[in-house]
Amino acid sequence: MTVSLVELTGDYVLDPAHTRIGFVARHAMVTKVRGAFHQFEGTAHLDGADPAKSTGQVVIRTESIDTGVEQRDQHLRTNDFLDAPGFPDITFRTTKVEQKSDTEYRVTGDLTIKDTTKPVVIDFEYTGNAVDPYGNLRVGLEGSVTISRKEFGVTWNAALEGGGVLVGDKVALEFDISAIKQS
């Protein structure tokens, strides 16, 4: 059974077991490396009657980065990239929510990586809602945004023999969200 947007109004928490926060970056100018962060928490207040009053925030633990290659993951945790010991969290906090259609929302917010905060705009698709077998009301959202890692102080690179660089500047951040309404 699904409910109307107005009935969705309330406070939510991200379900880490059913949410993916991932990324895609160009490697060696020829392929893409995909990965995800496995430790994060997030909350949101959804206002179905007036989506502009909705808010949200996410805190991602940088040490939880995972590309499936431990040596690369260790390098990504160093100061060359995310400096997990010095900057243990990546954060996002909404500043504006706009409803574009029945299922499309534009979320503007402040993204902070390595103590650099920049505004970003993420287009989300509302994928639906359902009551799970445990009686929890869940909502689903999918979105992505491409950022310049250099704008956030993540500048390490290596030149390639034939030209170009080892790591592309553009990084796509991907959000597949399952959020549970709180009582």
C-alpha atoms as a PDB file:
ATOM      1  CA  MET A   1       0.000   0.000   0.000  1.00  0.00           C
ATOM      2  CA  THR A   2       1.366   3.420  -0.912  1.00  0.00           C
ATOM      3  CA  VAL A   3       0.356   6.720   0.635  1.00  0.00           C
ATOM      4  CA  SER A   4       0.024  10.260  -0.723  1.00  0.00           C
ATOM      5  CA  LEU A   5       2.796  12.838  -0.557  1.00  0.00           C
ATOM      6  CA  VAL A   6       0.928  14.758   2.152  1.00  0.00           C
ATOM      7  CA  GLU A   7       0.772  11.581   4.268  1.00  0.00           C
ATOM      8  CA  LEU A   8       4.556  11.243   3.920  1.00  0.00           C
ATOM      9  CA  THR A   9       5.138  14.416   5.939  1.00  0.00           C
ATOM     10  CA  GLY A  10       7.411  13.646   8.886  1.00  0.00           C
ATOM     11  CA  ASP A  11      10.916  12.878  10.059  1.00  0.00           C
ATOM     12  CA  TYR A  12      13.014  10.137   8.457  1.00  0.00           C
ATOM     13  CA  VAL A  13      16.346   8.381   8.942  1.00  0.00           C
ATOM     14  CA  LEU A  14      18.404   6.723   6.222  1.00  0.00           C
ATOM     15  CA  ASP A  15      18.413   2.938   6.334  1.00  0.00           C
ATOM     16  CA  PRO A  16      22.109   2.108   5.851  1.00  0.00           C
ATOM     17  CA  ALA A  17      21.326  -1.523   4.980  1.00  0.00           C
ATOM     18  CA  HIS A  18      19.235  -0.423   1.984  1.00  0.00           C
ATOM     19  CA  THR A  19      20.877   2.882   1.004  1.00  0.00           C
ATOM     20  CA  ARG A  20      23.914   3.271  -1.257  1.00  0.00           C
ATOM     21  CA  ILE A  21      26.115   6.347  -1.402  1.00  0.00           C
ATOM     22  CA  GLY A  22      28.509   5.784  -4.260  1.00  0.00           C
ATOM     23  CA  PHE A  23      30.828   7.514  -6.686  1.00  0.00           C
ATOM     24  CA  VAL A  24      32.330   7.109 -10.142  1.00  0.00           C
ATOM     25  CA  ALA A  25      35.644   8.630 -11.268  1.00  0.00           C
ATOM     26  CA  ARG A  26      37.641   8.341 -14.502  1.00  0.00           C
ATOM     27  CA  HIS A  27      40.880   6.349 -14.199  1.00  0.00           C
ATOM     28  CA  ALA A  28      43.858   6.575 -16.614  1.00  0.00           C
ATOM     29  CA  MET A  29      41.654   8.420 -19.116  1.00  0.00           C
ATOM     30  CA  VAL A  30      40.218   5.092 -20.335  1.00  0.00           C
ATOM     31  CA  THR A  31      37.949   3.554 -17.725  1.00  0.00           C
ATOM     32  CA  LYS A  32      35.871   4.310 -14.656  1.00  0.00           C
ATOM     33  CA  VAL A  33      36.410   3.294 -11.061  1.00  0.00           C
ATOM     34  CA  ARG A  34      33.260   2.813  -9.013  1.00  0.00           C
ATOM     35  CA  GLY A  35      33.015   2.739  -5.269  1.00  0.00           C
ATOM     36  CA  ALA A  36      30.858   3.452  -2.270  1.00  0.00           C
ATOM     37  CA  PHE A  37      30.934   4.632   1.304  1.00  0.00           C
ATOM     38  CA  HIS A  38      29.638   2.021   3.734  1.00  0.00           C
ATOM     39  CA  GLN A  39      29.347   4.107   6.898  1.00  0.00           C
ATOM     40  CA  PHE A  40      26.996   7.082   6.954  1.00  0.00           C
ATOM     41  CA  GLU A  41      23.948   8.451   8.675  1.00  0.00           C
ATOM     42  CA  GLY A  42      21.306  10.832   7.532  1.00  0.00           C
ATOM     43  CA  THR A  43      18.070  12.449   8.558  1.00  0.00           C
ATOM     44  CA  ALA A  44      15.379  14.309   6.697  1.00  0.00           C
ATOM     45  CA  HIS A  45      12.159  16.140   7.335  1.00  0.00           C
ATOM     46  CA  LEU A  46       9.780  15.701   4.409  1.00  0.00           C
ATOM     47  CA  ASP A  47       6.872  18.085   3.934  1.00  0.00           C
ATOM     48  CA  GLY A  48       4.519  16.530   1.400  1.00  0.00           C
ATOM     49  CA  ALA A  49       2.191  19.533   1.343  1.00  0.00           C
ATOM     50  CA  ASP A  50       5.021  22.036   0.810  1.00  0.00           C
ATOM     51  CA  PRO A  51       8.227  20.295  -0.375  1.00  0.00           C
ATOM     52  CA  ALA A  52      10.138  23.598  -0.122  1.00  0.00           C
ATOM     53  CA  LYS A  53       9.937  23.170   3.665  1.00  0.00           C
ATOM     54  CA  SER A  54      11.733  19.807   3.485  1.00  0.00           C
ATOM     55  CA  THR A  55      15.248  19.507   4.906  1.00  0.00           C
ATOM     56  CA  GLY A  56      17.963  16.894   5.142  1.00  0.00           C
ATOM     57  CA  GLN A  57      21.501  16.150   6.117  1.00  0.00           C
ATOM     58  CA  VAL A  58      23.970  13.314   5.569  1.00  0.00           C
ATOM     59  CA  VAL A  59      27.265  12.572   7.306  1.00  0.00           C
ATOM     60  CA  ILE A  60      29.577  10.129   5.489  1.00  0.00           C
ATOM     61  CA  ARG A  61      32.591   8.519   7.182  1.00  0.00           C
ATOM     62  CA  THR A  62      35.532   8.959   4.778  1.00  0.00           C
ATOM     63  CA  GLU A  63      37.364   5.930   6.183  1.00  0.00           C
ATOM     64  CA  SER A  64      34.535   3.711   4.882  1.00  0.00           C
ATOM     65  CA  ILE A  65      35.456   4.302   1.221  1.00  0.00           C
ATOM     66  CA  ASP A  66      35.481   1.050  -0.739  1.00  0.00           C
ATOM     67  CA  THR A  67      36.393   0.497  -4.396  1.00  0.00           C
ATOM     68  CA  GLY A  68      36.990  -3.220  -4.026  1.00  0.00           C
ATOM     69  CA  VAL A  69      40.791  -2.787  -4.147  1.00  0.00           C
ATOM     70  CA  GLU A  70      42.299  -2.414  -0.668  1.00  0.00           C
ATOM     71  CA  GLN A  71      45.560  -0.790  -1.853  1.00  0.00           C
ATOM     72  CA  ARG A  72      43.608   1.876  -3.763  1.00  0.00           C
ATOM     73  CA  ASP A  73      41.224   2.374  -0.829  1.00  0.00           C
ATOM     74  CA  GLN A  74      44.172   2.948   1.521  1.00  0.00           C
ATOM     75  CA  HIS A  75      45.565   5.563  -0.889  1.00  0.00           C
ATOM     76  CA  LEU A  76      42.172   7.289  -1.129  1.00  0.00           C
ATOM     77  CA  ARG A  77      42.125   7.566   2.696  1.00  0.00           C
ATOM     78  CA  THR A  78      45.466   9.452   2.736  1.00  0.00           C
ATOM     79  CA  ASN A  79      46.051  13.197   2.434  1.00  0.00           C
ATOM     80  CA  ASP A  80      46.560  12.707  -1.328  1.00  0.00           C
ATOM     81  CA  PHE A  81      42.776  12.354  -1.540  1.00  0.00           C
ATOM     82  CA  LEU A  82      40.308  12.422   1.393  1.00  0.00           C
ATOM     83  CA  ASP A  83      42.685  12.547   4.406  1.00  0.00           C
ATOM     84  CA  ALA A  84      40.380  10.373   6.507  1.00  0.00           C
ATOM     85  CA  PRO A  85      42.379  10.893   9.742  1.00  0.00           C
ATOM     86  CA  GLY A  86      42.276  14.690   9.399  1.00  0.00           C
ATOM     87  CA  PHE A  87      38.786  14.965   7.903  1.00  0.00           C
ATOM     88  CA  PRO A  88      36.776  11.966   9.081  1.00  0.00           C
ATOM     89  CA  ASP A  89      33.463  13.188   7.637  1.00  0.00           C
ATOM     90  CA  ILE A  90      31.985  14.386   4.367  1.00  0.00           C
ATOM     91  CA  THR A  91      28.753  16.299   5.017  1.00  0.00           C
ATOM     92  CA  PHE A  92      25.783  17.515   3.016  1.00  0.00           C
ATOM     93  CA  ARG A  93      23.083  19.839   4.375  1.00  0.00           C
ATOM     94  CA  THR A  94      20.125  21.050   2.347  1.00  0.00           C
ATOM     95  CA  THR A  95      19.542  24.748   1.823  1.00  0.00           C
ATOM     96  CA  LYS A  96      16.667  24.558  -0.684  1.00  0.00           C
ATOM     97  CA  VAL A  97      14.217  21.981  -2.067  1.00  0.00           C
ATOM     98  CA  GLU A  98      12.230  22.536  -5.266  1.00  0.00           C
ATOM     99  CA  GLN A  99       9.565  20.233  -6.658  1.00  0.00           C
ATOM    100  CA  LYS A 100      10.024  19.956 -10.436  1.00  0.00           C
ATOM    101  CA  SER A 101       7.257  17.391 -11.124  1.00  0.00           C
ATOM    102  CA  ASP A 102       5.279  14.689  -9.305  1.00  0.00           C
ATOM    103  CA  THR A 103       8.452  12.612  -8.996  1.00  0.00           C
ATOM    104  CA  GLU A 104      11.349  15.035  -9.556  1.00  0.00           C
ATOM    105  CA  TYR A 105      12.970  17.261  -6.952  1.00  0.00           C
ATOM    106  CA  ARG A 106      15.945  19.604  -7.123  1.00  0.00           C
ATOM    107  CA  VAL A 107      17.834  19.704  -3.825  1.00  0.00           C
ATOM    108  CA  THR A 108      20.417  22.422  -3.239  1.00  0.00           C
ATOM    109  CA  GLY A 109      22.778  22.121  -0.327  1.00  0.00           C
ATOM    110  CA  ASP A 110      26.225  22.627   1.107  1.00  0.00           C
ATOM    111  CA  LEU A 111      28.692  19.800   0.482  1.00  0.00           C
ATOM    112  CA  THR A 112      31.795  19.761   2.682  1.00  0.00           C
ATOM    113  CA  ILE A 113      34.851  17.693   1.767  1.00  0.00           C
ATOM    114  CA  LYS A 114      38.223  18.238   3.489  1.00  0.00           C
ATOM    115  CA  ASP A 115      36.994  21.413   5.217  1.00  0.00           C
ATOM    116  CA  THR A 116      35.941  22.993   1.901  1.00  0.00           C
ATOM    117  CA  THR A 117      32.236  23.770   1.566  1.00  0.00           C
ATOM    118  CA  LYS A 118      30.610  24.412  -1.809  1.00  0.00           C
ATOM    119  CA  PRO A 119      26.973  24.566  -2.888  1.00  0.00           C
ATOM    120  CA  VAL A 120      25.796  21.671  -5.065  1.00  0.00           C
ATOM    121  CA  VAL A 121      22.503  20.886  -6.779  1.00  0.00           C
ATOM    122  CA  ILE A 122      21.295  17.285  -6.810  1.00  0.00           C
ATOM    123  CA  ASP A 123      18.364  16.195  -8.933  1.00  0.00           C
ATOM    124  CA  PHE A 124      16.412  13.431  -7.208  1.00  0.00           C
ATOM    125  CA  GLU A 125      13.700  11.126  -8.452  1.00  0.00           C
ATOM    126  CA  TYR A 126      11.114  10.041  -5.900  1.00  0.00           C
ATOM    127  CA  THR A 127      10.834   6.293  -6.550  1.00  0.00           C
ATOM    128  CA  GLY A 128       7.894   5.575  -4.268  1.00  0.00           C
ATOM    129  CA  ASN A 129       6.907   4.527  -0.793  1.00  0.00           C
ATOM    130  CA  ALA A 130       5.864   1.309   0.904  1.00  0.00           C
ATOM    131  CA  VAL A 131       5.179  -0.179   4.297  1.00  0.00           C
ATOM    132  CA  ASP A 132       7.697  -2.951   4.908  1.00  0.00           C
ATOM    133  CA  PRO A 133       6.893  -6.271   6.688  1.00  0.00           C
ATOM    134  CA  TYR A 134       7.874  -4.676  10.018  1.00  0.00           C
ATOM    135  CA  GLY A 135       5.347  -1.849   9.692  1.00  0.00           C
ATOM    136  CA  ASN A 136       7.892   0.829   8.751  1.00  0.00           C
ATOM    137  CA  LEU A 137       6.897   3.431   6.165  1.00  0.00           C
ATOM    138  CA  ARG A 138       9.762   3.785   3.685  1.00  0.00           C
ATOM    139  CA  VAL A 139      10.383   6.305   0.934  1.00  0.00           C
ATOM    140  CA  GLY A 140      12.830   5.896  -1.931  1.00  0.00           C
ATOM    141  CA  LEU A 141      14.870   8.541  -3.733  1.00  0.00           C
ATOM    142  CA  GLU A 142      17.569   8.298  -6.381  1.00  0.00           C
ATOM    143  CA  GLY A 143      19.860  11.137  -7.369  1.00  0.00           C
ATOM    144  CA  SER A 144      23.286  12.115  -8.583  1.00  0.00           C
ATOM    145  CA  VAL A 145      25.546  15.099  -9.038  1.00  0.00           C
ATOM    146  CA  THR A 146      28.937  15.551 -10.690  1.00  0.00           C
ATOM    147  CA  ILE A 147      31.513  17.615  -8.815  1.00  0.00           C
ATOM    148  CA  SER A 148      35.058  18.793  -9.471  1.00  0.00           C
ATOM    149  CA  ARG A 149      37.225  17.118  -6.850  1.00  0.00           C
ATOM    150  CA  LYS A 150      39.829  19.891  -7.247  1.00  0.00           C
ATOM    151  CA  GLU A 151      37.273  22.454  -6.020  1.00  0.00           C
ATOM    152  CA  PHE A 152      37.211  20.514  -2.734  1.00  0.00           C
ATOM    153  CA  GLY A 153      40.989  20.382  -2.308  1.00  0.00           C
ATOM    154  CA  VAL A 154      41.382  16.836  -3.655  1.00  0.00           C
ATOM    155  CA  THR A 155      44.099  17.608  -6.182  1.00  0.00           C
ATOM    156  CA  TRP A 156      46.565  14.681  -6.246  1.00  0.00           C
ATOM    157  CA  ASN A 157      47.297  13.270  -9.678  1.00  0.00           C
ATOM    158  CA  ALA A 158      49.988  11.663 -11.805  1.00  0.00           C
ATOM    159  CA  ALA A 159      50.817  12.391 -15.432  1.00  0.00           C
ATOM    160  CA  LEU A 160      50.463   9.562 -17.928  1.00  0.00           C
ATOM    161  CA  GLU A 161      53.261   8.809 -20.369  1.00  0.00           C
ATOM    162  CA  GLY A 162      51.045   9.301 -23.422  1.00  0.00           C
ATOM    163  CA  GLY A 163      49.402  12.451 -22.065  1.00  0.00           C
ATOM    164  CA  GLY A 164      46.568  13.007 -19.692  1.00  0.00           C
ATOM    165  CA  VAL A 165      46.368  12.160 -16.020  1.00  0.00           C
ATOM    166  CA  LEU A 166      45.757   9.106 -13.853  1.00  0.00           C
ATOM    167  CA  VAL A 167      42.639  10.395 -12.055  1.00  0.00           C
ATOM    168  CA  GLY A 168      39.910  12.501 -13.674  1.00  0.00           C
ATOM    169  CA  ASP A 169      38.756  15.701 -12.002  1.00  0.00           C
ATOM    170  CA  LYS A 170      35.035  14.994 -12.358  1.00  0.00           C
ATOM    171  CA  VAL A 171      33.470  12.662  -9.792  1.00  0.00           C
ATOM    172  CA  ALA A 172      29.845  11.567  -9.986  1.00  0.00           C
ATOM    173  CA  LEU A 173      28.234  11.135  -6.578  1.00  0.00           C
ATOM    174  CA  GLU A 174      25.305   8.697  -6.548  1.00  0.00           C
ATOM    175  CA  PHE A 175      22.538   8.435  -3.966  1.00  0.00           C
ATOM    176  CA  ASP A 176      20.123   5.481  -3.794  1.00  0.00           C
ATOM    177  CA  ILE A 177      18.134   6.211  -0.666  1.00  0.00           C
ATOM    178  CA  SER A 178      15.743   4.211   1.449  1.00  0.00           C
ATOM    179  CA  ALA A 179      14.525   6.306   4.383  1.00  0.00           C
ATOM    180  CA  ILE A 180      12.319   5.129   7.242  1.00  0.00           C
ATOM    181  CA  LYS A 181       9.681   7.384   8.799  1.00  0.00           C
ATOM    182  CA  GLN A 182      10.101   7.874  12.537  1.00  0.00           C
ATOM    183  CA  SER A 183       7.156   7.688  14.914  1.00  0.00           C
END
